[in-house]
Every structure is written in structure tokens, then in C-alpha cells.
Amino acid sequence: MKYMLLIYADQEVLSESERQDCYKESTELAHELRSNGQYLGANPLHPTTMSTSVRVRNGKRLVTDGPFAETHEQLGGYFLIEAKDLDEAIAIAARIPMARKGTVEVRPVIEIAGLPG
């Protein structure tokens, strides 16, 4: 089963050297998961100051700068993995470096027939 591991943290929690260390450790984890056949994708995201939110209401597109909701922790990246069950996905999520500073949300992915792979 596929799981999306959504990484949330305060954008200001890491210094630049800590961020680079986190990227290095995350890359090592991604390579290990790939060798196990579990890695499907991963990327950090730019800060919410670079985000744009899009909503459509009554047929009209509304575009605003920044995130839709103001929160203490922001979505900072993700891992998309293959795991045999939720317990295995949780074990992998606990190994993501930002789990020590923020939160990793584990969500099963709904696979829809006909979507390109």
C-alpha cells in the first residue's frame, strides 16, 4: 500500500546548517528506501512565503499569496512510500529527520484506476 508521509514543522526551527544536515539525512533514508523497493518520491518544499493558494468559488478563480490557513507548523515536505501496512509506514515516518523537530502525518493513498503512474 502507498502512504504519503507529510512533514510539518515551524519554518524557523532549523538553522541553514541544520537544514543541510536534514537534507543529507533525508537523502540517505531515500536511498535506503529505494534499495528496499519502498521509495516512490520525496521533496522538501519552499517556505510558505513562496506559496500561492487557489480556490474556485461560483466558477471564479481566487488566487492569493501564501498558505490558505495560518498555523504554527507548515507543510515542509513529503515522502511517498510503499509499505506493507500502517505499522511499517509509521516506522519509516519515525526515521524522517524532521520527526524530531515537528510532526510527520502518515496517510494512506487512495489509488484510482486510470490515473497515470
PDB file of N, CA and C in Angstrom:
ATOM      1  N   MET A   1       0.843  -1.177   0.000  1.00  0.00           N
ATOM      2  CA  MET A   1       0.000   0.000   0.000  1.00  0.00           C
ATOM      3  C   MET A   1       0.890   1.241   0.000  1.00  0.00           C
ATOM      4  N   LYS A   2       0.425   2.285  -0.700  1.00  0.00           N
ATOM      5  CA  LYS A   2       1.162   3.542  -0.731  1.00  0.00           C
ATOM      6  C   LYS A   2       0.746   4.425   0.439  1.00  0.00           C
ATOM      7  N   TYR A   3       1.739   5.123   0.993  1.00  0.00           N
ATOM      8  CA  TYR A   3       1.498   6.076   2.073  1.00  0.00           C
ATOM      9  C   TYR A   3       2.201   7.382   1.754  1.00  0.00           C
ATOM     10  N   MET A   4       1.513   8.491   2.053  1.00  0.00           N
ATOM     11  CA  MET A   4       2.112   9.814   1.955  1.00  0.00           C
ATOM     12  C   MET A   4       2.500  10.221   3.367  1.00  0.00           C
ATOM     13  N   LEU A   5       3.767  10.540   3.543  1.00  0.00           N
ATOM     14  CA  LEU A   5       4.276  10.999   4.830  1.00  0.00           C
ATOM     15  C   LEU A   5       4.475  12.501   4.708  1.00  0.00           C
ATOM     16  N   LEU A   6       3.585  13.259   5.313  1.00  0.00           N
ATOM     17  CA  LEU A   6       3.579  14.714   5.212  1.00  0.00           C
ATOM     18  C   LEU A   6       4.343  15.303   6.386  1.00  0.00           C
ATOM     19  N   ILE A   7       5.331  16.109   6.104  1.00  0.00           N
ATOM     20  CA  ILE A   7       6.244  16.622   7.123  1.00  0.00           C
ATOM     21  C   ILE A   7       5.869  18.058   7.469  1.00  0.00           C
ATOM     22  N   TYR A   8       5.497  18.281   8.723  1.00  0.00           N
ATOM     23  CA  TYR A   8       5.105  19.603   9.208  1.00  0.00           C
ATOM     24  C   TYR A   8       6.089  20.073  10.266  1.00  0.00           C
ATOM     25  N   ALA A   9       6.447  21.353  10.190  1.00  0.00           N
ATOM     26  CA  ALA A   9       7.331  21.938  11.213  1.00  0.00           C
ATOM     27  C   ALA A   9       7.251  23.449  11.115  1.00  0.00           C
ATOM     28  N   ASP A  10       7.704  24.096  12.164  1.00  0.00           N
ATOM     29  CA  ASP A  10       7.868  25.542  12.153  1.00  0.00           C
ATOM     30  C   ASP A  10       8.983  25.861  11.168  1.00  0.00           C
ATOM     31  N   GLN A  11       8.731  26.753  10.228  1.00  0.00           N
ATOM     32  CA  GLN A  11       9.718  27.075   9.199  1.00  0.00           C
ATOM     33  C   GLN A  11      11.017  27.632   9.757  1.00  0.00           C
ATOM     34  N   GLU A  12      10.968  28.184  10.948  1.00  0.00           N
ATOM     35  CA  GLU A  12      12.141  28.835  11.530  1.00  0.00           C
ATOM     36  C   GLU A  12      12.896  27.933  12.502  1.00  0.00           C
ATOM     37  N   VAL A  13      12.527  26.665  12.592  1.00  0.00           N
ATOM     38  CA  VAL A  13      13.088  25.777  13.614  1.00  0.00           C
ATOM     39  C   VAL A  13      14.538  25.370  13.322  1.00  0.00           C
ATOM     40  N   LEU A  14      14.956  25.396  12.051  1.00  0.00           N
ATOM     41  CA  LEU A  14      16.301  24.943  11.685  1.00  0.00           C
ATOM     42  C   LEU A  14      17.181  26.094  11.214  1.00  0.00           C
ATOM     43  N   SER A  15      18.440  26.049  11.609  1.00  0.00           N
ATOM     44  CA  SER A  15      19.426  26.957  11.024  1.00  0.00           C
ATOM     45  C   SER A  15      19.756  26.427   9.633  1.00  0.00           C
ATOM     46  N   GLU A  16      20.483  27.190   8.831  1.00  0.00           N
ATOM     47  CA  GLU A  16      20.820  26.725   7.478  1.00  0.00           C
ATOM     48  C   GLU A  16      21.692  25.473   7.528  1.00  0.00           C
ATOM     49  N   SER A  17      22.629  25.398   8.472  1.00  0.00           N
ATOM     50  CA  SER A  17      23.466  24.188   8.556  1.00  0.00           C
ATOM     51  C   SER A  17      22.643  22.990   9.019  1.00  0.00           C
ATOM     52  N   GLU A  18      21.695  23.192   9.924  1.00  0.00           N
ATOM     53  CA  GLU A  18      20.811  22.107  10.355  1.00  0.00           C
ATOM     54  C   GLU A  18      19.923  21.651   9.191  1.00  0.00           C
ATOM     55  N   ARG A  19      19.475  22.595   8.362  1.00  0.00           N
ATOM     56  CA  ARG A  19      18.644  22.263   7.200  1.00  0.00           C
ATOM     57  C   ARG A  19      19.438  21.402   6.226  1.00  0.00           C
ATOM     58  N   GLN A  20      20.687  21.756   5.982  1.00  0.00           N
ATOM     59  CA  GLN A  20      21.531  20.966   5.075  1.00  0.00           C
ATOM     60  C   GLN A  20      21.775  19.564   5.641  1.00  0.00           C
ATOM     61  N   ASP A  21      21.988  19.468   6.956  1.00  0.00           N
ATOM     62  CA  ASP A  21      22.146  18.155   7.596  1.00  0.00           C
ATOM     63  C   ASP A  21      20.874  17.327   7.450  1.00  0.00           C
ATOM     64  N   CYS A  22      19.723  17.972   7.587  1.00  0.00           N
ATOM     65  CA  CYS A  22      18.428  17.294   7.439  1.00  0.00           C
ATOM     66  C   CYS A  22      18.275  16.772   6.009  1.00  0.00           C
ATOM     67  N   TYR A  23      18.644  17.591   5.018  1.00  0.00           N
ATOM     68  CA  TYR A  23      18.565  17.160   3.620  1.00  0.00           C
ATOM     69  C   TYR A  23      19.464  15.952   3.380  1.00  0.00           C
ATOM     70  N   LYS A  24      20.659  15.988   3.959  1.00  0.00           N
ATOM     71  CA  LYS A  24      21.614  14.879   3.781  1.00  0.00           C
ATOM     72  C   LYS A  24      21.048  13.593   4.383  1.00  0.00           C
ATOM     73  N   GLU A  25      20.534  13.689   5.610  1.00  0.00           N
ATOM     74  CA  GLU A  25      19.976  12.517   6.283  1.00  0.00           C
ATOM     75  C   GLU A  25      18.732  11.998   5.550  1.00  0.00           C
ATOM     76  N   SER A  26      17.907  12.911   5.061  1.00  0.00           N
ATOM     77  CA  SER A  26      16.705  12.509   4.314  1.00  0.00           C
ATOM     78  C   SER A  26      17.089  11.827   3.009  1.00  0.00           C
ATOM     79  N   THR A  27      18.130  12.315   2.351  1.00  0.00           N
ATOM     80  CA  THR A  27      18.606  11.697   1.109  1.00  0.00           C
ATOM     81  C   THR A  27      19.111  10.290   1.371  1.00  0.00           C
ATOM     82  N   GLU A  28      19.832  10.108   2.469  1.00  0.00           N
ATOM     83  CA  GLU A  28      20.312   8.768   2.829  1.00  0.00           C
ATOM     84  C   GLU A  28      19.136   7.825   3.080  1.00  0.00           C
ATOM     85  N   LEU A  29      18.116   8.308   3.776  1.00  0.00           N
ATOM     86  CA  LEU A  29      16.924   7.494   4.021  1.00  0.00           C
ATOM     87  C   LEU A  29      16.247   7.143   2.696  1.00  0.00           C
ATOM     88  N   ALA A  30      16.135   8.115   1.793  1.00  0.00           N
ATOM     89  CA  ALA A  30      15.505   7.866   0.492  1.00  0.00           C
ATOM     90  C   ALA A  30      16.260   6.783  -0.280  1.00  0.00           C
ATOM     91  N   HIS A  31      17.600   6.823  -0.255  1.00  0.00           N
ATOM     92  CA  HIS A  31      18.382   5.795  -0.948  1.00  0.00           C
ATOM     93  C   HIS A  31      18.170   4.412  -0.334  1.00  0.00           C
ATOM     94  N   GLU A  32      18.093   4.359   0.997  1.00  0.00           N
ATOM     95  CA  GLU A  32      17.830   3.079   1.670  1.00  0.00           C
ATOM     96  C   GLU A  32      16.450   2.544   1.295  1.00  0.00           C
ATOM     97  N   LEU A  33      15.439   3.420   1.301  1.00  0.00           N
ATOM     98  CA  LEU A  33      14.086   3.002   0.933  1.00  0.00           C
ATOM     99  C   LEU A  33      14.035   2.546  -0.520  1.00  0.00           C
ATOM    100  N   ARG A  34      14.775   3.228  -1.393  1.00  0.00           N
ATOM    101  CA  ARG A  34      14.811   2.820  -2.807  1.00  0.00           C
ATOM    102  C   ARG A  34      15.405   1.425  -2.943  1.00  0.00           C
ATOM    103  N   SER A  35      16.475   1.148  -2.192  1.00  0.00           N
ATOM    104  CA  SER A  35      17.097  -0.181  -2.292  1.00  0.00           C
ATOM    105  C   SER A  35      16.168  -1.271  -1.776  1.00  0.00           C
ATOM    106  N   ASN A  36      15.214  -0.903  -0.905  1.00  0.00           N
ATOM    107  CA  ASN A  36      14.220  -1.856  -0.389  1.00  0.00           C
ATOM    108  C   ASN A  36      12.960  -1.906  -1.256  1.00  0.00           C
ATOM    109  N   GLY A  37      12.920  -1.090  -2.312  1.00  0.00           N
ATOM    110  CA  GLY A  37      11.742  -1.043  -3.169  1.00  0.00           C
ATOM    111  C   GLY A  37      10.573  -0.283  -2.570  1.00  0.00           C
ATOM    112  N   GLN A  38      10.833   0.575  -1.581  1.00  0.00           N
ATOM    113  CA  GLN A  38       9.755   1.286  -0.899  1.00  0.00           C
ATOM    114  C   GLN A  38       9.665   2.761  -1.275  1.00  0.00           C
ATOM    115  N   TYR A  39      10.682   3.288  -1.923  1.00  0.00           N
ATOM    116  CA  TYR A  39      10.735   4.715  -2.237  1.00  0.00           C
ATOM    117  C   TYR A  39       9.960   5.016  -3.505  1.00  0.00           C
ATOM    118  N   LEU A  40       9.025   5.975  -3.429  1.00  0.00           N
ATOM    119  CA  LEU A  40       8.287   6.411  -4.609  1.00  0.00           C
ATOM    120  C   LEU A  40       8.556   7.878  -4.930  1.00  0.00           C
ATOM    121  N   GLY A  41       8.971   8.656  -3.943  1.00  0.00           N
ATOM    122  CA  GLY A  41       9.287  10.066  -4.161  1.00  0.00           C
ATOM    123  C   GLY A  41       9.438  10.802  -2.848  1.00  0.00           C
ATOM    124  N   ALA A  42      10.138  11.936  -2.891  1.00  0.00           N
ATOM    125  CA  ALA A  42      10.295  12.794  -1.717  1.00  0.00           C
ATOM    126  C   ALA A  42      10.829  14.139  -2.173  1.00  0.00           C
ATOM    127  N   ASN A  43      10.408  15.194  -1.514  1.00  0.00           N
ATOM    128  CA  ASN A  43      10.923  16.535  -1.773  1.00  0.00           C
ATOM    129  C   ASN A  43      10.627  17.450  -0.606  1.00  0.00           C
ATOM    130  N   PRO A  44      11.570  18.333  -0.276  1.00  0.00           N
ATOM    131  CA  PRO A  44      11.238  19.431   0.628  1.00  0.00           C
ATOM    132  C   PRO A  44      10.498  20.498  -0.169  1.00  0.00           C
ATOM    133  N   LEU A  45       9.780  21.346   0.513  1.00  0.00           N
ATOM    134  CA  LEU A  45       9.053  22.444  -0.133  1.00  0.00           C
ATOM    135  C   LEU A  45       9.662  23.776   0.278  1.00  0.00           C
ATOM    136  N   HIS A  46       9.564  24.760  -0.599  1.00  0.00           N
ATOM    137  CA  HIS A  46       9.996  26.111  -0.250  1.00  0.00           C
ATOM    138  C   HIS A  46       9.091  26.635   0.865  1.00  0.00           C
ATOM    139  N   PRO A  47       9.508  27.668   1.585  1.00  0.00           N
ATOM    140  CA  PRO A  47       8.685  28.229   2.670  1.00  0.00           C
ATOM    141  C   PRO A  47       7.330  28.720   2.166  1.00  0.00           C
ATOM    142  N   THR A  48       6.392  28.841   3.086  1.00  0.00           N
ATOM    143  CA  THR A  48       5.037  29.275   2.722  1.00  0.00           C
ATOM    144  C   THR A  48       5.031  30.685   2.138  1.00  0.00           C
ATOM    145  N   THR A  49       6.078  31.467   2.374  1.00  0.00           N
ATOM    146  CA  THR A  49       6.153  32.802   1.778  1.00  0.00           C
ATOM    147  C   THR A  49       6.223  32.724   0.254  1.00  0.00           C
ATOM    148  N   MET A  50       6.572  31.564  -0.282  1.00  0.00           N
ATOM    149  CA  MET A  50       6.645  31.388  -1.730  1.00  0.00           C
ATOM    150  C   MET A  50       5.430  30.646  -2.277  1.00  0.00           C
ATOM    151  N   SER A  51       4.440  30.380  -1.425  1.00  0.00           N
ATOM    152  CA  SER A  51       3.279  29.610  -1.870  1.00  0.00           C
ATOM    153  C   SER A  51       2.179  30.512  -2.412  1.00  0.00           C
ATOM    154  N   THR A  52       1.310  29.894  -3.187  1.00  0.00           N
ATOM    155  CA  THR A  52       0.130  30.546  -3.735  1.00  0.00           C
ATOM    156  C   THR A  52      -1.045  29.604  -3.515  1.00  0.00           C
ATOM    157  N   SER A  53      -2.151  30.139  -3.063  1.00  0.00           N
ATOM    158  CA  SER A  53      -3.349  29.331  -2.843  1.00  0.00           C
ATOM    159  C   SER A  53      -4.384  29.643  -3.921  1.00  0.00           C
ATOM    160  N   VAL A  54      -5.024  28.605  -4.436  1.00  0.00           N
ATOM    161  CA  VAL A  54      -6.028  28.750  -5.485  1.00  0.00           C
ATOM    162  C   VAL A  54      -7.333  28.136  -4.998  1.00  0.00           C
ATOM    163  N   ARG A  55      -8.405  28.885  -5.132  1.00  0.00           N
ATOM    164  CA  ARG A  55      -9.748  28.400  -4.811  1.00  0.00           C
ATOM    165  C   ARG A  55     -10.666  28.791  -5.962  1.00  0.00           C
ATOM    166  N   VAL A  56     -11.664  27.979  -6.223  1.00  0.00           N
ATOM    167  CA  VAL A  56     -12.677  28.328  -7.208  1.00  0.00           C
ATOM    168  C   VAL A  56     -14.014  28.373  -6.478  1.00  0.00           C
ATOM    169  N   ARG A  57     -14.655  29.526  -6.546  1.00  0.00           N
ATOM    170  CA  ARG A  57     -15.954  29.721  -5.899  1.00  0.00           C
ATOM    171  C   ARG A  57     -16.908  30.333  -6.922  1.00  0.00           C
ATOM    172  N   ASN A  58     -18.060  29.714  -7.073  1.00  0.00           N
ATOM    173  CA  ASN A  58     -19.057  30.200  -8.035  1.00  0.00           C
ATOM    174  C   ASN A  58     -18.458  30.387  -9.424  1.00  0.00           C
ATOM    175  N   GLY A  59     -17.580  29.446  -9.809  1.00  0.00           N
ATOM    176  CA  GLY A  59     -16.974  29.497 -11.133  1.00  0.00           C
ATOM    177  C   GLY A  59     -15.856  30.515 -11.296  1.00  0.00           C
ATOM    178  N   LYS A  60     -15.499  31.226 -10.222  1.00  0.00           N
ATOM    179  CA  LYS A  60     -14.440  32.232 -10.298  1.00  0.00           C
ATOM    180  C   LYS A  60     -13.209  31.756  -9.549  1.00  0.00           C
ATOM    181  N   ARG A  61     -12.073  31.914 -10.197  1.00  0.00           N
ATOM    182  CA  ARG A  61     -10.790  31.525  -9.599  1.00  0.00           C
ATOM    183  C   ARG A  61     -10.292  32.648  -8.684  1.00  0.00           C
ATOM    184  N   LEU A  62      -9.962  32.276  -7.449  1.00  0.00           N
ATOM    185  CA  LEU A  62      -9.406  33.221  -6.482  1.00  0.00           C
ATOM    186  C   LEU A  62      -7.983  32.784  -6.168  1.00  0.00           C
ATOM    187  N   VAL A  63      -7.028  33.651  -6.410  1.00  0.00           N
ATOM    188  CA  VAL A  63      -5.620  33.342  -6.189  1.00  0.00           C
ATOM    189  C   VAL A  63      -5.083  34.299  -5.131  1.00  0.00           C
ATOM    190  N   THR A  64      -4.478  33.727  -4.072  1.00  0.00           N
ATOM    191  CA  THR A  64      -3.891  34.557  -3.013  1.00  0.00           C
ATOM    192  C   THR A  64      -2.476  34.089  -2.723  1.00  0.00           C
ATOM    193  N   ASP A  65      -1.646  35.010  -2.302  1.00  0.00           N
ATOM    194  CA  ASP A  65      -0.291  34.664  -1.894  1.00  0.00           C
ATOM    195  C   ASP A  65      -0.329  33.985  -0.543  1.00  0.00           C
ATOM    196  N   GLY A  66       0.586  33.049  -0.352  1.00  0.00           N
ATOM    197  CA  GLY A  66       0.721  32.388   0.941  1.00  0.00           C
ATOM    198  C   GLY A  66      -0.238  31.237   1.124  1.00  0.00           C
ATOM    199  N   PRO A  67      -0.148  30.616   2.296  1.00  0.00           N
ATOM    200  CA  PRO A  67      -0.999  29.460   2.592  1.00  0.00           C
ATOM    201  C   PRO A  67      -2.427  29.904   2.864  1.00  0.00           C
ATOM    202  N   PHE A  68      -3.338  28.961   2.701  1.00  0.00           N
ATOM    203  CA  PHE A  68      -4.747  29.247   2.952  1.00  0.00           C
ATOM    204  C   PHE A  68      -5.002  29.499   4.430  1.00  0.00           C
ATOM    205  N   ALA A  69      -4.346  28.712   5.308  1.00  0.00           N
ATOM    206  CA  ALA A  69      -4.583  28.822   6.755  1.00  0.00           C
ATOM    207  C   ALA A  69      -3.288  29.195   7.465  1.00  0.00           C
ATOM    208  N   GLU A  70      -3.407  30.019   8.461  1.00  0.00           N
ATOM    209  CA  GLU A  70      -2.265  30.369   9.303  1.00  0.00           C
ATOM    210  C   GLU A  70      -2.149  29.331  10.417  1.00  0.00           C
ATOM    211  N   THR A  71      -1.007  28.657  10.486  1.00  0.00           N
ATOM    212  CA  THR A  71      -0.787  27.660  11.526  1.00  0.00           C
ATOM    213  C   THR A  71       0.630  27.790  12.049  1.00  0.00           C
ATOM    214  N   HIS A  72       0.885  27.191  13.202  1.00  0.00           N
ATOM    215  CA  HIS A  72       2.219  27.215  13.791  1.00  0.00           C
ATOM    216  C   HIS A  72       3.181  26.355  12.974  1.00  0.00           C
ATOM    217  N   GLU A  73       2.737  25.188  12.560  1.00  0.00           N
ATOM    218  CA  GLU A  73       3.561  24.298  11.742  1.00  0.00           C
ATOM    219  C   GLU A  73       3.039  24.317  10.312  1.00  0.00           C
ATOM    220  N   GLN A  74       3.964  24.360   9.353  1.00  0.00           N
ATOM    221  CA  GLN A  74       3.598  24.377   7.954  1.00  0.00           C
ATOM    222  C   GLN A  74       4.081  23.101   7.272  1.00  0.00           C
ATOM    223  N   LEU A  75       3.404  22.734   6.178  1.00  0.00           N
ATOM    224  CA  LEU A  75       3.831  21.600   5.375  1.00  0.00           C
ATOM    225  C   LEU A  75       5.171  21.958   4.760  1.00  0.00           C
ATOM    226  N   GLY A  76       6.192  21.154   5.076  1.00  0.00           N
ATOM    227  CA  GLY A  76       7.541  21.464   4.621  1.00  0.00           C
ATOM    228  C   GLY A  76       8.104  20.465   3.629  1.00  0.00           C
ATOM    229  N   GLY A  77       7.426  19.339   3.433  1.00  0.00           N
ATOM    230  CA  GLY A  77       7.916  18.346   2.500  1.00  0.00           C
ATOM    231  C   GLY A  77       7.138  17.057   2.644  1.00  0.00           C
ATOM    232  N   TYR A  78       7.580  16.058   1.895  1.00  0.00           N
ATOM    233  CA  TYR A  78       6.863  14.781   1.924  1.00  0.00           C
ATOM    234  C   TYR A  78       7.767  13.647   1.482  1.00  0.00           C
ATOM    235  N   PHE A  79       7.394  12.457   1.871  1.00  0.00           N
ATOM    236  CA  PHE A  79       7.905  11.199   1.319  1.00  0.00           C
ATOM    237  C   PHE A  79       6.686  10.442   0.829  1.00  0.00           C
ATOM    238  N   LEU A  80       6.772   9.863  -0.345  1.00  0.00           N
ATOM    239  CA  LEU A  80       5.754   8.947  -0.845  1.00  0.00           C
ATOM    240  C   LEU A  80       6.405   7.575  -0.865  1.00  0.00           C
ATOM    241  N   ILE A  81       5.822   6.654  -0.107  1.00  0.00           N
ATOM    242  CA  ILE A  81       6.456   5.347   0.080  1.00  0.00           C
ATOM    243  C   ILE A  81       5.486   4.204  -0.197  1.00  0.00           C
ATOM    244  N   GLU A  82       6.050   3.032  -0.319  1.00  0.00           N
ATOM    245  CA  GLU A  82       5.292   1.774  -0.369  1.00  0.00           C
ATOM    246  C   GLU A  82       5.601   1.054   0.936  1.00  0.00           C
ATOM    247  N   ALA A  83       4.566   0.633   1.657  1.00  0.00           N
ATOM    248  CA  ALA A  83       4.756  -0.100   2.909  1.00  0.00           C
ATOM    249  C   ALA A  83       3.726  -1.211   2.989  1.00  0.00           C
ATOM    250  N   LYS A  84       4.071  -2.289   3.685  1.00  0.00           N
ATOM    251  CA  LYS A  84       3.147  -3.425   3.751  1.00  0.00           C
ATOM    252  C   LYS A  84       1.915  -3.118   4.598  1.00  0.00           C
ATOM    253  N   ASP A  85       2.080  -2.194   5.579  1.00  0.00           N
ATOM    254  CA  ASP A  85       0.950  -1.833   6.432  1.00  0.00           C
ATOM    255  C   ASP A  85       1.257  -0.522   7.164  1.00  0.00           C
ATOM    256  N   LEU A  86       0.286  -0.057   7.943  1.00  0.00           N
ATOM    257  CA  LEU A  86       0.429   1.203   8.668  1.00  0.00           C
ATOM    258  C   LEU A  86       1.601   1.169   9.640  1.00  0.00           C
ATOM    259  N   ASP A  87       1.809   0.045  10.320  1.00  0.00           N
ATOM    260  CA  ASP A  87       2.910  -0.049  11.272  1.00  0.00           C
ATOM    261  C   ASP A  87       4.258   0.179  10.590  1.00  0.00           C
ATOM    262  N   GLU A  88       4.439  -0.404   9.414  1.00  0.00           N
ATOM    263  CA  GLU A  88       5.691  -0.208   8.692  1.00  0.00           C
ATOM    264  C   GLU A  88       5.820   1.255   8.242  1.00  0.00           C
ATOM    265  N   ALA A  89       4.728   1.871   7.789  1.00  0.00           N
ATOM    266  CA  ALA A  89       4.752   3.277   7.379  1.00  0.00           C
ATOM    267  C   ALA A  89       5.097   4.177   8.568  1.00  0.00           C
ATOM    268  N   ILE A  90       4.563   3.877   9.732  1.00  0.00           N
ATOM    269  CA  ILE A  90       4.864   4.661  10.940  1.00  0.00           C
ATOM    270  C   ILE A  90       6.335   4.519  11.308  1.00  0.00           C
ATOM    271  N   ALA A  91       6.870   3.329  11.190  1.00  0.00           N
ATOM    272  CA  ALA A  91       8.287   3.103  11.494  1.00  0.00           C
ATOM    273  C   ALA A  91       9.179   3.925  10.564  1.00  0.00           C
ATOM    274  N   ILE A  92       8.816   4.011   9.296  1.00  0.00           N
ATOM    275  CA  ILE A  92       9.587   4.824   8.350  1.00  0.00           C
ATOM    276  C   ILE A  92       9.427   6.300   8.684  1.00  0.00           C
ATOM    277  N   ALA A  93       8.208   6.728   8.987  1.00  0.00           N
ATOM    278  CA  ALA A  93       7.960   8.134   9.331  1.00  0.00           C
ATOM    279  C   ALA A  93       8.806   8.565  10.526  1.00  0.00           C
ATOM    280  N   ALA A  94       8.984   7.682  11.479  1.00  0.00           N
ATOM    281  CA  ALA A  94       9.774   7.999  12.672  1.00  0.00           C
ATOM    282  C   ALA A  94      11.248   8.200  12.342  1.00  0.00           C
ATOM    283  N   ARG A  95      11.696   7.722  11.195  1.00  0.00           N
ATOM    284  CA  ARG A  95      13.092   7.863  10.782  1.00  0.00           C
ATOM    285  C   ARG A  95      13.347   9.142   9.995  1.00  0.00           C
ATOM    286  N   ILE A  96      12.299   9.848   9.606  1.00  0.00           N
ATOM    287  CA  ILE A  96      12.466  11.120   8.896  1.00  0.00           C
ATOM    288  C   ILE A  96      13.025  12.134   9.889  1.00  0.00           C
ATOM    289  N   PRO A  97      14.123  12.810   9.543  1.00  0.00           N
ATOM    290  CA  PRO A  97      14.776  13.709  10.495  1.00  0.00           C
ATOM    291  C   PRO A  97      13.853  14.748  11.127  1.00  0.00           C
ATOM    292  N   MET A  98      12.931  15.308  10.361  1.00  0.00           N
ATOM    293  CA  MET A  98      12.059  16.352  10.912  1.00  0.00           C
ATOM    294  C   MET A  98      11.035  15.822  11.897  1.00  0.00           C
ATOM    295  N   ALA A  99      10.901  14.508  12.031  1.00  0.00           N
ATOM    296  CA  ALA A  99      10.017  13.960  13.069  1.00  0.00           C
ATOM    297  C   ALA A  99      10.538  14.344  14.450  1.00  0.00           C
ATOM    298  N   ARG A 100      11.832  14.641  14.551  1.00  0.00           N
ATOM    299  CA  ARG A 100      12.428  15.041  15.834  1.00  0.00           C
ATOM    300  C   ARG A 100      12.160  16.495  16.172  1.00  0.00           C
ATOM    301  N   LYS A 101      11.746  17.298  15.185  1.00  0.00           N
ATOM    302  CA  LYS A 101      11.522  18.735  15.411  1.00  0.00           C
ATOM    303  C   LYS A 101      10.071  19.150  15.163  1.00  0.00           C
ATOM    304  N   GLY A 102       9.361  18.358  14.372  1.00  0.00           N
ATOM    305  CA  GLY A 102       7.995  18.699  14.005  1.00  0.00           C
ATOM    306  C   GLY A 102       7.098  17.481  14.081  1.00  0.00           C
ATOM    307  N   THR A 103       6.262  17.317  13.067  1.00  0.00           N
ATOM    308  CA  THR A 103       5.286  16.228  13.014  1.00  0.00           C
ATOM    309  C   THR A 103       5.307  15.607  11.629  1.00  0.00           C
ATOM    310  N   VAL A 104       5.213  14.278  11.561  1.00  0.00           N
ATOM    311  CA  VAL A 104       5.048  13.602  10.280  1.00  0.00           C
ATOM    312  C   VAL A 104       3.684  12.926  10.291  1.00  0.00           C
ATOM    313  N   GLU A 105       2.824  13.378   9.411  1.00  0.00           N
ATOM    314  CA  GLU A 105       1.482  12.806   9.282  1.00  0.00           C
ATOM    315  C   GLU A 105       1.551  11.654   8.284  1.00  0.00           C
ATOM    316  N   VAL A 106       1.019  10.503   8.660  1.00  0.00           N
ATOM    317  CA  VAL A 106       1.026   9.313   7.813  1.00  0.00           C
ATOM    318  C   VAL A 106      -0.380   9.112   7.258  1.00  0.00           C
ATOM    319  N   ARG A 107      -0.491   9.147   5.917  1.00  0.00           N
ATOM    320  CA  ARG A 107      -1.814   8.997   5.306  1.00  0.00           C
ATOM    321  C   ARG A 107      -1.759   7.985   4.186  1.00  0.00           C
ATOM    322  N   PRO A 108      -2.670   6.992   4.213  1.00  0.00           N
ATOM    323  CA  PRO A 108      -2.745   6.051   3.096  1.00  0.00           C
ATOM    324  C   PRO A 108      -3.209   6.790   1.844  1.00  0.00           C
ATOM    325  N   VAL A 109      -2.692   6.361   0.711  1.00  0.00           N
ATOM    326  CA  VAL A 109      -3.035   6.953  -0.581  1.00  0.00           C
ATOM    327  C   VAL A 109      -4.151   6.128  -1.219  1.00  0.00           C
ATOM    328  N   ILE A 110      -5.151   6.807  -1.722  1.00  0.00           N
ATOM    329  CA  ILE A 110      -6.211   6.138  -2.475  1.00  0.00           C
ATOM    330  C   ILE A 110      -5.742   6.005  -3.912  1.00  0.00           C
ATOM    331  N   GLU A 111      -5.683   4.791  -4.398  1.00  0.00           N
ATOM    332  CA  GLU A 111      -5.253   4.578  -5.769  1.00  0.00           C
ATOM    333  C   GLU A 111      -6.476   4.492  -6.659  1.00  0.00           C
ATOM    334  N   ILE A 112      -6.559   5.387  -7.623  1.00  0.00           N
ATOM    335  CA  ILE A 112      -7.698   5.477  -8.528  1.00  0.00           C
ATOM    336  C   ILE A 112      -7.307   4.859  -9.865  1.00  0.00           C
ATOM    337  N   ALA A 113      -8.081   3.891 -10.296  1.00  0.00           N
ATOM    338  CA  ALA A 113      -7.802   3.237 -11.585  1.00  0.00           C
ATOM    339  C   ALA A 113      -7.847   4.270 -12.706  1.00  0.00           C
ATOM    340  N   GLY A 114      -6.919   4.173 -13.622  1.00  0.00           N
ATOM    341  CA  GLY A 114      -6.906   5.051 -14.768  1.00  0.00           C
ATOM    342  C   GLY A 114      -5.990   6.252 -14.654  1.00  0.00           C
ATOM    343  N   LEU A 115      -5.534   6.557 -13.415  1.00  0.00           N
ATOM    344  CA  LEU A 115      -4.585   7.661 -13.278  1.00  0.00           C
ATOM    345  C   LEU A 115      -3.238   7.238 -13.831  1.00  0.00           C
ATOM    346  N   PRO A 116      -2.525   8.149 -14.492  1.00  0.00           N
ATOM    347  CA  PRO A 116      -1.196   7.758 -14.995  1.00  0.00           C
ATOM    348  C   PRO A 116      -0.259   7.452 -13.842  1.00  0.00           C
ATOM    349  N   GLY A 117       0.611   6.492 -14.038  1.00  0.00           N
ATOM    350  CA  GLY A 117       1.526   6.081 -12.991  1.00  0.00           C
ATOM    351  C   GLY A 117       2.843   6.600 -13.183  1.00  0.00           C
TER     352      GLY A 117
END
